[in-house]
Every structure is written in structure tokens, then in C-alpha cells.
Amino acid sequence: MLKQKVEPQVIELALQKVNSESEVRQAIQGGMKAMQAWEKYGVL
């Protein structure tokens, strides 16, 4: 089934996004401007 074939990739991409969002949140909490975080990480 197609779902089973792509499921691991979808999960991996979702985890990568969550990790990126966590890095952005920490950067902003540390004083980085939101626009700088967007330019550096590409997510908000």
C-alpha cells in the first residue's frame, strides 16, 4: 500500500520540522528577531 511506503518519510519530515521550530523558538527566546530566525532557519 502506498501509505505504508511513504509513512516513514512523512514522519521523518515532520520530526525535522518540529526540531527546526524548537531551534527557532530557542533563538527568539534568546533575543533573535523573528525575521533573522526566518532567514536562518526558514521556518517560524
Protein backbone atom coordinates (compact mmCIF):
# COMPACT_ATOMS: atom_id res chain seq x y z
CA MET A 1 0.00 0.00 0.00
CA LEU A 2 1.31 3.46 -0.89
CA LYS A 3 0.62 4.89 2.57
CA GLN A 4 2.93 2.37 4.18
CA LYS A 5 5.70 3.20 1.73
CA VAL A 6 5.68 6.94 2.39
CA GLU A 7 4.82 6.85 6.09
CA PRO A 8 8.45 6.70 7.32
CA GLN A 9 9.42 9.65 5.12
CA VAL A 10 6.43 11.71 6.27
CA ILE A 11 7.25 11.01 9.91
CA GLU A 12 10.91 11.93 9.39
CA LEU A 13 10.00 15.22 7.68
CA ALA A 14 7.53 16.07 10.45
CA LEU A 15 10.16 15.43 13.12
CA GLN A 16 12.66 17.61 11.25
CA LYS A 17 10.12 20.45 11.16
CA VAL A 18 9.41 20.12 14.87
CA ASN A 19 13.14 20.23 15.62
CA SER A 20 13.59 23.30 13.43
CA GLU A 21 10.67 25.04 15.11
CA SER A 22 12.21 24.28 18.51
CA GLU A 23 15.52 25.79 17.41
CA VAL A 24 13.71 28.91 16.17
CA ARG A 25 11.78 29.24 19.43
CA GLN A 26 15.00 29.00 21.44
CA ALA A 27 16.72 31.53 19.20
CA ILE A 28 13.86 34.02 19.54
CA GLN A 29 13.74 33.49 23.29
CA GLY A 30 17.47 34.18 23.30
CA GLY A 31 16.93 37.55 21.64
CA MET A 32 17.00 36.82 17.92
CA LYS A 33 14.49 38.81 15.87
CA ALA A 34 11.78 36.79 14.13
CA MET A 35 12.94 37.93 10.69
CA GLN A 36 16.50 36.84 11.45
CA ALA A 37 15.20 33.45 12.61
CA TRP A 38 13.18 33.10 9.39
CA GLU A 39 16.21 33.92 7.28
CA LYS A 40 18.42 31.49 9.20
CA TYR A 41 16.04 28.54 9.66
CA GLY A 42 13.35 29.02 7.02
CA VAL A 43 10.53 28.23 9.49
CA LEU A 44 8.71 30.07 12.25
